[in-house]
Amino acid sequence: MVDGSPRATAASARLEAADAGVRQMRIVRSVCPREEFNAYRERLPRSVRREVELVPQGHVGLIVQAIGGQDSPLLAVHGHLRADRDPADALAALERRLRRQFD
């Protein structure tokens, strides 16, 4: 998955989408084991990594990503949740946060 700084890329993602004539986007949700999420986080650019928390022991990582056009990642938001909890509400909250950045 590709990611950019939420503050820095929200405006540029809107401009790119408008320039490309992209009117639709799809939302992709992921629940990742702690180790996989933390390894993914380490591959992010430092400016983005600062805003993405490490997933603590006993938790899973959450990623909600906006995909536009031909599988072009536009924006992603991250979170984590205790592994014994149902992630549906947390993913929905992350999706709402992501969608607000496009308004």
N, C-alpha and C. Protein backbone atom coordinates (compact mmCIF):
# COMPACT_ATOMS: atom_id res chain seq x y z
N MET A 1 0.83 -1.17 0.00
CA MET A 1 0.00 0.00 0.00
C MET A 1 0.87 1.24 0.00
N VAL A 2 0.38 2.26 -0.60
CA VAL A 2 1.10 3.51 -0.68
C VAL A 2 0.39 4.52 0.19
N ASP A 3 1.12 5.42 0.77
CA ASP A 3 0.51 6.38 1.67
C ASP A 3 1.22 7.72 1.54
N GLY A 4 0.54 8.79 1.93
CA GLY A 4 1.14 10.11 2.01
C GLY A 4 0.69 10.76 3.29
N SER A 5 1.33 11.83 3.69
CA SER A 5 0.94 12.54 4.89
C SER A 5 -0.50 13.01 4.74
N PRO A 6 -1.38 12.70 5.69
CA PRO A 6 -2.78 13.08 5.55
C PRO A 6 -2.98 14.57 5.30
N ARG A 7 -2.24 15.42 6.02
CA ARG A 7 -2.42 16.86 5.81
C ARG A 7 -1.86 17.31 4.48
N ALA A 8 -0.70 16.81 4.13
CA ALA A 8 -0.03 17.27 2.92
C ALA A 8 -0.67 16.73 1.65
N THR A 9 -1.19 15.53 1.70
CA THR A 9 -1.67 14.93 0.46
C THR A 9 -3.15 15.08 0.22
N ALA A 10 -3.93 15.47 1.21
CA ALA A 10 -5.38 15.61 1.00
C ALA A 10 -5.67 16.63 -0.10
N ALA A 11 -5.03 17.79 -0.01
CA ALA A 11 -5.27 18.82 -1.02
C ALA A 11 -4.73 18.40 -2.38
N SER A 12 -3.55 17.83 -2.42
CA SER A 12 -3.00 17.41 -3.70
C SER A 12 -3.79 16.26 -4.29
N ALA A 13 -4.31 15.37 -3.45
CA ALA A 13 -5.14 14.27 -3.95
C ALA A 13 -6.41 14.81 -4.59
N ARG A 14 -7.01 15.82 -3.98
CA ARG A 14 -8.21 16.43 -4.56
C ARG A 14 -7.89 17.05 -5.91
N LEU A 15 -6.76 17.74 -5.99
CA LEU A 15 -6.37 18.36 -7.26
C LEU A 15 -6.08 17.31 -8.33
N GLU A 16 -5.34 16.28 -7.97
CA GLU A 16 -5.03 15.22 -8.92
C GLU A 16 -6.30 14.54 -9.40
N ALA A 17 -7.21 14.28 -8.49
CA ALA A 17 -8.46 13.63 -8.87
C ALA A 17 -9.26 14.52 -9.81
N ALA A 18 -9.30 15.82 -9.52
CA ALA A 18 -10.04 16.74 -10.38
C ALA A 18 -9.38 16.84 -11.76
N ASP A 19 -8.04 16.93 -11.76
CA ASP A 19 -7.32 17.02 -13.03
C ASP A 19 -7.52 15.79 -13.89
N ALA A 20 -7.56 14.64 -13.28
CA ALA A 20 -7.71 13.39 -14.03
C ALA A 20 -9.16 13.10 -14.37
N GLY A 21 -10.06 13.93 -13.88
CA GLY A 21 -11.46 13.69 -14.13
C GLY A 21 -12.01 12.53 -13.34
N VAL A 22 -11.34 12.19 -12.26
CA VAL A 22 -11.79 11.07 -11.44
C VAL A 22 -12.94 11.56 -10.57
N ARG A 23 -14.10 10.96 -10.78
CA ARG A 23 -15.28 11.33 -10.00
C ARG A 23 -15.60 10.29 -8.94
N GLN A 24 -15.06 9.11 -9.09
CA GLN A 24 -15.35 8.06 -8.14
C GLN A 24 -14.06 7.56 -7.52
N MET A 25 -14.22 7.11 -6.31
CA MET A 25 -13.11 6.45 -5.65
C MET A 25 -13.70 5.26 -4.91
N ARG A 26 -12.86 4.30 -4.65
CA ARG A 26 -13.30 3.18 -3.84
C ARG A 26 -12.48 3.17 -2.57
N ILE A 27 -13.08 2.61 -1.55
CA ILE A 27 -12.44 2.55 -0.24
C ILE A 27 -12.02 1.11 0.02
N VAL A 28 -10.78 0.94 0.44
CA VAL A 28 -10.24 -0.37 0.78
C VAL A 28 -9.91 -0.36 2.27
N ARG A 29 -10.38 -1.39 2.96
CA ARG A 29 -10.13 -1.53 4.40
C ARG A 29 -9.25 -2.75 4.64
N SER A 30 -8.30 -2.61 5.55
CA SER A 30 -7.42 -3.73 5.88
C SER A 30 -7.25 -3.85 7.39
N VAL A 31 -7.24 -5.08 7.85
CA VAL A 31 -6.89 -5.40 9.23
C VAL A 31 -5.64 -6.25 9.15
N CYS A 32 -4.56 -5.80 9.79
CA CYS A 32 -3.27 -6.46 9.68
C CYS A 32 -2.78 -6.94 11.05
N PRO A 33 -2.13 -8.09 11.09
CA PRO A 33 -1.48 -8.50 12.33
C PRO A 33 -0.45 -7.43 12.75
N ARG A 34 -0.21 -7.34 14.02
CA ARG A 34 0.69 -6.32 14.58
C ARG A 34 2.02 -6.27 13.85
N GLU A 35 2.66 -7.43 13.67
CA GLU A 35 3.99 -7.46 13.06
C GLU A 35 3.95 -6.96 11.62
N GLU A 36 2.93 -7.35 10.87
CA GLU A 36 2.81 -6.93 9.47
C GLU A 36 2.59 -5.42 9.38
N PHE A 37 1.71 -4.88 10.23
CA PHE A 37 1.44 -3.45 10.21
C PHE A 37 2.69 -2.66 10.57
N ASN A 38 3.38 -3.07 11.63
CA ASN A 38 4.58 -2.34 12.05
C ASN A 38 5.68 -2.40 11.00
N ALA A 39 5.79 -3.52 10.28
CA ALA A 39 6.77 -3.61 9.18
C ALA A 39 6.35 -2.68 8.04
N TYR A 40 5.07 -2.62 7.74
CA TYR A 40 4.54 -1.69 6.72
C TYR A 40 4.85 -0.25 7.14
N ARG A 41 4.60 0.07 8.41
CA ARG A 41 4.83 1.42 8.91
C ARG A 41 6.29 1.83 8.73
N GLU A 42 7.22 0.90 8.97
CA GLU A 42 8.64 1.21 8.82
C GLU A 42 9.03 1.53 7.38
N ARG A 43 8.26 1.08 6.41
CA ARG A 43 8.55 1.38 5.00
C ARG A 43 7.98 2.71 4.54
N LEU A 44 7.15 3.33 5.37
CA LEU A 44 6.57 4.63 5.01
C LEU A 44 7.63 5.73 5.08
N PRO A 45 7.46 6.79 4.31
CA PRO A 45 8.38 7.93 4.43
C PRO A 45 8.36 8.46 5.87
N ARG A 46 9.47 8.95 6.32
CA ARG A 46 9.61 9.43 7.70
C ARG A 46 8.53 10.45 8.07
N SER A 47 8.21 11.35 7.17
CA SER A 47 7.20 12.38 7.47
C SER A 47 5.83 11.76 7.73
N VAL A 48 5.53 10.66 7.10
CA VAL A 48 4.26 9.96 7.31
C VAL A 48 4.35 9.07 8.54
N ARG A 49 5.46 8.40 8.69
CA ARG A 49 5.67 7.46 9.79
C ARG A 49 5.49 8.14 11.14
N ARG A 50 5.87 9.42 11.23
CA ARG A 50 5.72 10.15 12.50
C ARG A 50 4.27 10.21 12.96
N GLU A 51 3.34 10.21 12.00
CA GLU A 51 1.92 10.33 12.32
C GLU A 51 1.21 8.99 12.46
N VAL A 52 1.92 7.90 12.21
CA VAL A 52 1.32 6.56 12.29
C VAL A 52 1.91 5.85 13.51
N GLU A 53 1.03 5.55 14.47
CA GLU A 53 1.49 4.90 15.71
C GLU A 53 1.89 3.46 15.46
N LEU A 54 2.89 3.00 16.20
CA LEU A 54 3.20 1.58 16.23
C LEU A 54 2.02 0.85 16.86
N VAL A 55 1.75 -0.34 16.40
CA VAL A 55 0.68 -1.15 16.98
C VAL A 55 1.25 -1.88 18.19
N PRO A 56 0.64 -1.67 19.36
CA PRO A 56 1.16 -2.32 20.57
C PRO A 56 0.82 -3.81 20.62
N GLN A 57 1.48 -4.52 21.50
CA GLN A 57 1.22 -5.94 21.73
C GLN A 57 -0.26 -6.14 22.05
N GLY A 58 -0.87 -7.16 21.46
CA GLY A 58 -2.27 -7.46 21.71
C GLY A 58 -3.25 -6.69 20.85
N HIS A 59 -2.74 -5.89 19.91
CA HIS A 59 -3.58 -5.11 19.02
C HIS A 59 -3.35 -5.55 17.57
N VAL A 60 -4.25 -5.13 16.69
CA VAL A 60 -4.08 -5.30 15.24
C VAL A 60 -4.06 -3.92 14.61
N GLY A 61 -3.42 -3.81 13.45
CA GLY A 61 -3.36 -2.55 12.73
C GLY A 61 -4.54 -2.42 11.78
N LEU A 62 -4.98 -1.18 11.58
CA LEU A 62 -6.09 -0.88 10.69
C LEU A 62 -5.64 0.12 9.64
N ILE A 63 -6.00 -0.13 8.39
CA ILE A 63 -5.68 0.78 7.30
C ILE A 63 -6.94 0.97 6.47
N VAL A 64 -7.29 2.22 6.21
CA VAL A 64 -8.39 2.54 5.30
C VAL A 64 -7.79 3.44 4.24
N GLN A 65 -7.97 3.05 2.99
CA GLN A 65 -7.32 3.74 1.88
C GLN A 65 -8.33 4.10 0.81
N ALA A 66 -8.20 5.31 0.26
CA ALA A 66 -9.02 5.74 -0.88
C ALA A 66 -8.24 5.42 -2.15
N ILE A 67 -8.89 4.73 -3.06
CA ILE A 67 -8.27 4.34 -4.33
C ILE A 67 -9.09 4.99 -5.45
N GLY A 68 -8.41 5.68 -6.35
CA GLY A 68 -9.09 6.33 -7.46
C GLY A 68 -8.59 5.82 -8.78
N GLY A 69 -9.39 6.06 -9.82
CA GLY A 69 -8.97 5.72 -11.17
C GLY A 69 -8.54 4.28 -11.31
N GLN A 70 -7.43 4.08 -11.97
CA GLN A 70 -6.87 2.76 -12.22
C GLN A 70 -5.97 2.32 -11.07
N ASP A 71 -6.57 2.05 -9.92
CA ASP A 71 -5.85 1.59 -8.74
C ASP A 71 -4.77 2.56 -8.27
N SER A 72 -5.08 3.85 -8.32
CA SER A 72 -4.14 4.86 -7.83
C SER A 72 -4.47 5.22 -6.39
N PRO A 73 -3.58 4.92 -5.46
CA PRO A 73 -3.83 5.30 -4.07
C PRO A 73 -3.87 6.82 -3.94
N LEU A 74 -4.90 7.34 -3.28
CA LEU A 74 -5.03 8.78 -3.10
C LEU A 74 -4.67 9.22 -1.68
N LEU A 75 -5.11 8.43 -0.70
CA LEU A 75 -4.93 8.82 0.69
C LEU A 75 -5.19 7.61 1.57
N ALA A 76 -4.52 7.54 2.70
CA ALA A 76 -4.74 6.45 3.66
C ALA A 76 -4.75 7.01 5.07
N VAL A 77 -5.53 6.36 5.93
CA VAL A 77 -5.52 6.67 7.35
C VAL A 77 -5.26 5.37 8.09
N HIS A 78 -4.66 5.48 9.26
CA HIS A 78 -4.22 4.30 10.01
C HIS A 78 -4.72 4.35 11.44
N GLY A 79 -4.81 3.18 12.03
CA GLY A 79 -5.19 3.09 13.43
C GLY A 79 -4.86 1.70 13.95
N HIS A 80 -5.27 1.45 15.18
CA HIS A 80 -5.10 0.10 15.74
C HIS A 80 -6.21 -0.14 16.74
N LEU A 81 -6.39 -1.40 17.07
CA LEU A 81 -7.49 -1.83 17.92
C LEU A 81 -7.06 -3.11 18.64
N ARG A 82 -7.57 -3.32 19.83
CA ARG A 82 -7.27 -4.57 20.52
C ARG A 82 -7.68 -5.74 19.64
N ALA A 83 -6.87 -6.76 19.62
CA ALA A 83 -7.08 -7.90 18.73
C ALA A 83 -8.36 -8.67 19.05
N ASP A 84 -8.85 -8.57 20.27
CA ASP A 84 -10.05 -9.31 20.64
C ASP A 84 -11.34 -8.54 20.37
N ARG A 85 -11.24 -7.39 19.76
CA ARG A 85 -12.40 -6.57 19.45
C ARG A 85 -12.79 -6.71 17.98
N ASP A 86 -14.06 -6.46 17.68
CA ASP A 86 -14.55 -6.44 16.30
C ASP A 86 -14.09 -5.13 15.67
N PRO A 87 -13.38 -5.16 14.55
CA PRO A 87 -12.83 -3.94 13.96
C PRO A 87 -13.84 -3.11 13.15
N ALA A 88 -15.07 -3.57 12.97
CA ALA A 88 -16.02 -2.90 12.08
C ALA A 88 -16.24 -1.43 12.44
N ASP A 89 -16.50 -1.12 13.71
CA ASP A 89 -16.76 0.27 14.10
C ASP A 89 -15.51 1.13 13.95
N ALA A 90 -14.36 0.59 14.30
CA ALA A 90 -13.11 1.36 14.18
C ALA A 90 -12.79 1.64 12.71
N LEU A 91 -13.01 0.66 11.84
CA LEU A 91 -12.79 0.87 10.41
C LEU A 91 -13.76 1.90 9.86
N ALA A 92 -15.00 1.86 10.29
CA ALA A 92 -16.00 2.85 9.84
C ALA A 92 -15.60 4.25 10.28
N ALA A 93 -15.09 4.39 11.50
CA ALA A 93 -14.64 5.70 11.99
C ALA A 93 -13.45 6.20 11.17
N LEU A 94 -12.51 5.32 10.85
CA LEU A 94 -11.38 5.72 10.01
C LEU A 94 -11.85 6.13 8.62
N GLU A 95 -12.82 5.41 8.08
CA GLU A 95 -13.35 5.78 6.76
C GLU A 95 -14.01 7.15 6.80
N ARG A 96 -14.77 7.45 7.84
CA ARG A 96 -15.39 8.78 7.97
C ARG A 96 -14.31 9.86 8.02
N ARG A 97 -13.25 9.59 8.78
CA ARG A 97 -12.13 10.55 8.87
C ARG A 97 -11.49 10.77 7.51
N LEU A 98 -11.29 9.68 6.76
CA LEU A 98 -10.69 9.78 5.44
C LEU A 98 -11.60 10.59 4.51
N ARG A 99 -12.89 10.29 4.50
CA ARG A 99 -13.83 11.00 3.61
C ARG A 99 -13.92 12.48 3.92
N ARG A 100 -13.81 12.85 5.21
CA ARG A 100 -13.84 14.28 5.58
C ARG A 100 -12.66 15.02 4.97
N GLN A 101 -11.54 14.35 4.77
CA GLN A 101 -10.37 15.00 4.20
C GLN A 101 -10.57 15.34 2.72
N PHE A 102 -11.56 14.72 2.09
CA PHE A 102 -11.87 15.02 0.69
C PHE A 102 -12.95 16.08 0.55
N ASP A 103 -13.59 16.45 1.66
CA ASP A 103 -14.65 17.48 1.59
C ASP A 103 -14.08 18.87 1.55
